Amino acid sequence: MSDNAVAIAIRKVLETYALIHGDDRADAHRECVVDYLNQRFAAGESDNTRLAVAALTFLREKDGDASKL
């Protein structure tokens, strides 16, 4: 896989997050999701599904709301 895995993961994460929390809130988190996923990719993770799950977990922890994801 390649950087395309990151692009796919970004799309999956933001679409999923928007379904739960709304488009505005998802857009507000876009930059931190992109940064987080680029860091994970640079660290060696290249599977888009694993990247997406990790980012959704990151957002859940960041929001402090474990009950909604």
N, C-alpha and C. Protein backbone atom coordinates (compact mmCIF):
# COMPACT_ATOMS: atom_id res chain seq x y z
N MET A 1 0.83 -1.19 0.00
CA MET A 1 0.00 0.00 0.00
C MET A 1 0.87 1.25 0.00
N SER A 2 0.24 2.37 -0.13
CA SER A 2 0.98 3.61 -0.23
C SER A 2 0.26 4.71 0.54
N ASP A 3 0.62 5.94 0.19
CA ASP A 3 -0.06 7.09 0.79
C ASP A 3 -1.56 7.05 0.51
N ASN A 4 -1.95 6.29 -0.50
CA ASN A 4 -3.37 6.13 -0.81
C ASN A 4 -4.10 5.53 0.38
N ALA A 5 -3.42 4.69 1.16
CA ALA A 5 -4.03 4.10 2.36
C ALA A 5 -4.42 5.20 3.34
N VAL A 6 -3.61 6.22 3.44
CA VAL A 6 -3.91 7.34 4.33
C VAL A 6 -5.13 8.09 3.82
N ALA A 7 -5.18 8.35 2.53
CA ALA A 7 -6.32 9.07 1.95
C ALA A 7 -7.62 8.29 2.16
N ILE A 8 -7.57 6.98 1.97
CA ILE A 8 -8.75 6.15 2.19
C ILE A 8 -9.16 6.18 3.65
N ALA A 9 -8.19 6.06 4.54
CA ALA A 9 -8.47 6.08 5.98
C ALA A 9 -9.07 7.42 6.41
N ILE A 10 -8.54 8.50 5.88
CA ILE A 10 -9.07 9.83 6.21
C ILE A 10 -10.54 9.90 5.82
N ARG A 11 -10.85 9.46 4.62
CA ARG A 11 -12.24 9.48 4.14
C ARG A 11 -13.13 8.63 5.05
N LYS A 12 -12.69 7.41 5.37
CA LYS A 12 -13.48 6.52 6.22
C LYS A 12 -13.73 7.15 7.60
N VAL A 13 -12.70 7.70 8.18
CA VAL A 13 -12.80 8.27 9.52
C VAL A 13 -13.75 9.46 9.53
N LEU A 14 -13.55 10.39 8.61
CA LEU A 14 -14.37 11.59 8.61
C LEU A 14 -15.83 11.30 8.26
N GLU A 15 -16.07 10.35 7.36
CA GLU A 15 -17.44 9.97 7.04
C GLU A 15 -18.12 9.32 8.24
N THR A 16 -17.42 8.43 8.90
CA THR A 16 -17.97 7.75 10.07
C THR A 16 -18.22 8.74 11.21
N TYR A 17 -17.25 9.58 11.45
CA TYR A 17 -17.37 10.57 12.52
C TYR A 17 -18.53 11.53 12.24
N ALA A 18 -18.70 11.91 10.99
CA ALA A 18 -19.79 12.82 10.61
C ALA A 18 -21.15 12.18 10.82
N LEU A 19 -21.26 10.89 10.58
CA LEU A 19 -22.53 10.20 10.81
C LEU A 19 -22.92 10.24 12.28
N ILE A 20 -21.94 10.19 13.15
CA ILE A 20 -22.20 10.16 14.59
C ILE A 20 -22.35 11.55 15.17
N HIS A 21 -21.47 12.46 14.76
CA HIS A 21 -21.39 13.77 15.41
C HIS A 21 -21.77 14.95 14.52
N GLY A 22 -21.97 14.72 13.24
CA GLY A 22 -22.32 15.80 12.32
C GLY A 22 -21.13 16.28 11.50
N ASP A 23 -21.46 16.87 10.34
CA ASP A 23 -20.44 17.31 9.39
C ASP A 23 -19.53 18.40 9.95
N ASP A 24 -20.11 19.35 10.66
CA ASP A 24 -19.31 20.46 11.19
C ASP A 24 -18.24 19.97 12.15
N ARG A 25 -18.63 19.08 13.02
CA ARG A 25 -17.67 18.56 14.00
C ARG A 25 -16.59 17.71 13.32
N ALA A 26 -16.99 16.94 12.31
CA ALA A 26 -16.02 16.14 11.56
C ALA A 26 -15.02 17.05 10.85
N ASP A 27 -15.52 18.10 10.22
CA ASP A 27 -14.64 19.05 9.54
C ASP A 27 -13.68 19.73 10.51
N ALA A 28 -14.15 19.98 11.72
CA ALA A 28 -13.31 20.62 12.73
C ALA A 28 -12.15 19.72 13.15
N HIS A 29 -12.33 18.41 13.01
CA HIS A 29 -11.28 17.45 13.40
C HIS A 29 -10.40 17.02 12.23
N ARG A 30 -10.70 17.50 11.02
CA ARG A 30 -9.98 17.04 9.83
C ARG A 30 -8.46 17.16 9.98
N GLU A 31 -7.98 18.31 10.39
CA GLU A 31 -6.53 18.52 10.46
C GLU A 31 -5.85 17.57 11.44
N CYS A 32 -6.45 17.37 12.61
CA CYS A 32 -5.81 16.48 13.58
C CYS A 32 -5.88 15.02 13.12
N VAL A 33 -6.95 14.65 12.38
CA VAL A 33 -7.03 13.29 11.83
C VAL A 33 -5.94 13.08 10.79
N VAL A 34 -5.77 14.04 9.90
CA VAL A 34 -4.73 13.94 8.87
C VAL A 34 -3.35 13.82 9.51
N ASP A 35 -3.06 14.67 10.48
CA ASP A 35 -1.76 14.62 11.17
C ASP A 35 -1.55 13.27 11.85
N TYR A 36 -2.59 12.81 12.57
CA TYR A 36 -2.48 11.54 13.29
C TYR A 36 -2.23 10.39 12.32
N LEU A 37 -3.00 10.34 11.24
CA LEU A 37 -2.83 9.23 10.29
C LEU A 37 -1.49 9.29 9.57
N ASN A 38 -1.01 10.46 9.26
CA ASN A 38 0.32 10.57 8.64
C ASN A 38 1.41 10.08 9.60
N GLN A 39 1.26 10.36 10.88
CA GLN A 39 2.22 9.87 11.87
C GLN A 39 2.19 8.35 11.96
N ARG A 40 0.99 7.78 12.00
CA ARG A 40 0.85 6.31 12.06
C ARG A 40 1.44 5.66 10.80
N PHE A 41 1.17 6.27 9.63
CA PHE A 41 1.70 5.74 8.39
C PHE A 41 3.23 5.80 8.39
N ALA A 42 3.77 6.92 8.84
CA ALA A 42 5.23 7.08 8.91
C ALA A 42 5.86 6.08 9.87
N ALA A 43 5.09 5.68 10.88
CA ALA A 43 5.58 4.70 11.86
C ALA A 43 5.50 3.27 11.34
N GLY A 44 4.90 3.09 10.15
CA GLY A 44 4.90 1.77 9.53
C GLY A 44 3.54 1.14 9.29
N GLU A 45 2.46 1.74 9.78
CA GLU A 45 1.14 1.15 9.53
C GLU A 45 0.67 1.55 8.13
N SER A 46 0.32 0.56 7.31
CA SER A 46 -0.07 0.86 5.94
C SER A 46 -1.43 0.29 5.56
N ASP A 47 -2.10 -0.37 6.49
CA ASP A 47 -3.43 -0.91 6.21
C ASP A 47 -4.48 0.16 6.49
N ASN A 48 -5.27 0.50 5.47
CA ASN A 48 -6.22 1.60 5.62
C ASN A 48 -7.28 1.32 6.69
N THR A 49 -7.67 0.08 6.86
CA THR A 49 -8.67 -0.25 7.88
C THR A 49 -8.09 -0.07 9.28
N ARG A 50 -6.89 -0.55 9.49
CA ARG A 50 -6.24 -0.37 10.80
C ARG A 50 -6.00 1.10 11.09
N LEU A 51 -5.60 1.84 10.08
CA LEU A 51 -5.41 3.28 10.25
C LEU A 51 -6.73 3.95 10.66
N ALA A 52 -7.81 3.59 10.00
CA ALA A 52 -9.11 4.20 10.29
C ALA A 52 -9.56 3.87 11.71
N VAL A 53 -9.43 2.61 12.11
CA VAL A 53 -9.83 2.21 13.46
C VAL A 53 -8.99 2.95 14.50
N ALA A 54 -7.70 3.05 14.26
CA ALA A 54 -6.83 3.77 15.19
C ALA A 54 -7.23 5.24 15.31
N ALA A 55 -7.56 5.86 14.19
CA ALA A 55 -7.95 7.27 14.21
C ALA A 55 -9.29 7.47 14.90
N LEU A 56 -10.24 6.57 14.69
CA LEU A 56 -11.52 6.68 15.39
C LEU A 56 -11.34 6.51 16.89
N THR A 57 -10.46 5.61 17.28
CA THR A 57 -10.15 5.44 18.70
C THR A 57 -9.50 6.70 19.25
N PHE A 58 -8.59 7.27 18.48
CA PHE A 58 -7.93 8.53 18.86
C PHE A 58 -8.97 9.63 19.08
N LEU A 59 -9.91 9.76 18.16
CA LEU A 59 -10.94 10.79 18.29
C LEU A 59 -11.84 10.54 19.49
N ARG A 60 -12.17 9.29 19.73
CA ARG A 60 -12.99 8.96 20.89
C ARG A 60 -12.28 9.38 22.17
N GLU A 61 -11.01 9.08 22.27
CA GLU A 61 -10.23 9.46 23.46
C GLU A 61 -10.07 10.97 23.55
N LYS A 62 -9.85 11.61 22.41
CA LYS A 62 -9.70 13.07 22.37
C LYS A 62 -10.97 13.76 22.84
N ASP A 63 -12.11 13.24 22.40
CA ASP A 63 -13.40 13.81 22.78
C ASP A 63 -13.80 13.43 24.21
N GLY A 64 -13.20 12.38 24.73
CA GLY A 64 -13.57 11.93 26.06
C GLY A 64 -14.94 11.28 26.10
N ASP A 65 -15.39 10.73 24.97
CA ASP A 65 -16.71 10.14 24.89
C ASP A 65 -16.61 8.73 24.31
N ALA A 66 -16.31 7.78 25.17
CA ALA A 66 -16.13 6.40 24.73
C ALA A 66 -17.45 5.71 24.38
N SER A 67 -18.56 6.28 24.76
CA SER A 67 -19.84 5.60 24.55
C SER A 67 -20.37 5.71 23.13
N LYS A 68 -19.88 6.65 22.31
CA LYS A 68 -20.47 6.88 21.00
C LYS A 68 -19.71 6.25 19.84
N LEU A 69 -18.56 5.67 20.08
CA LEU A 69 -17.84 4.98 18.99
C LEU A 69 -17.52 3.58 19.38
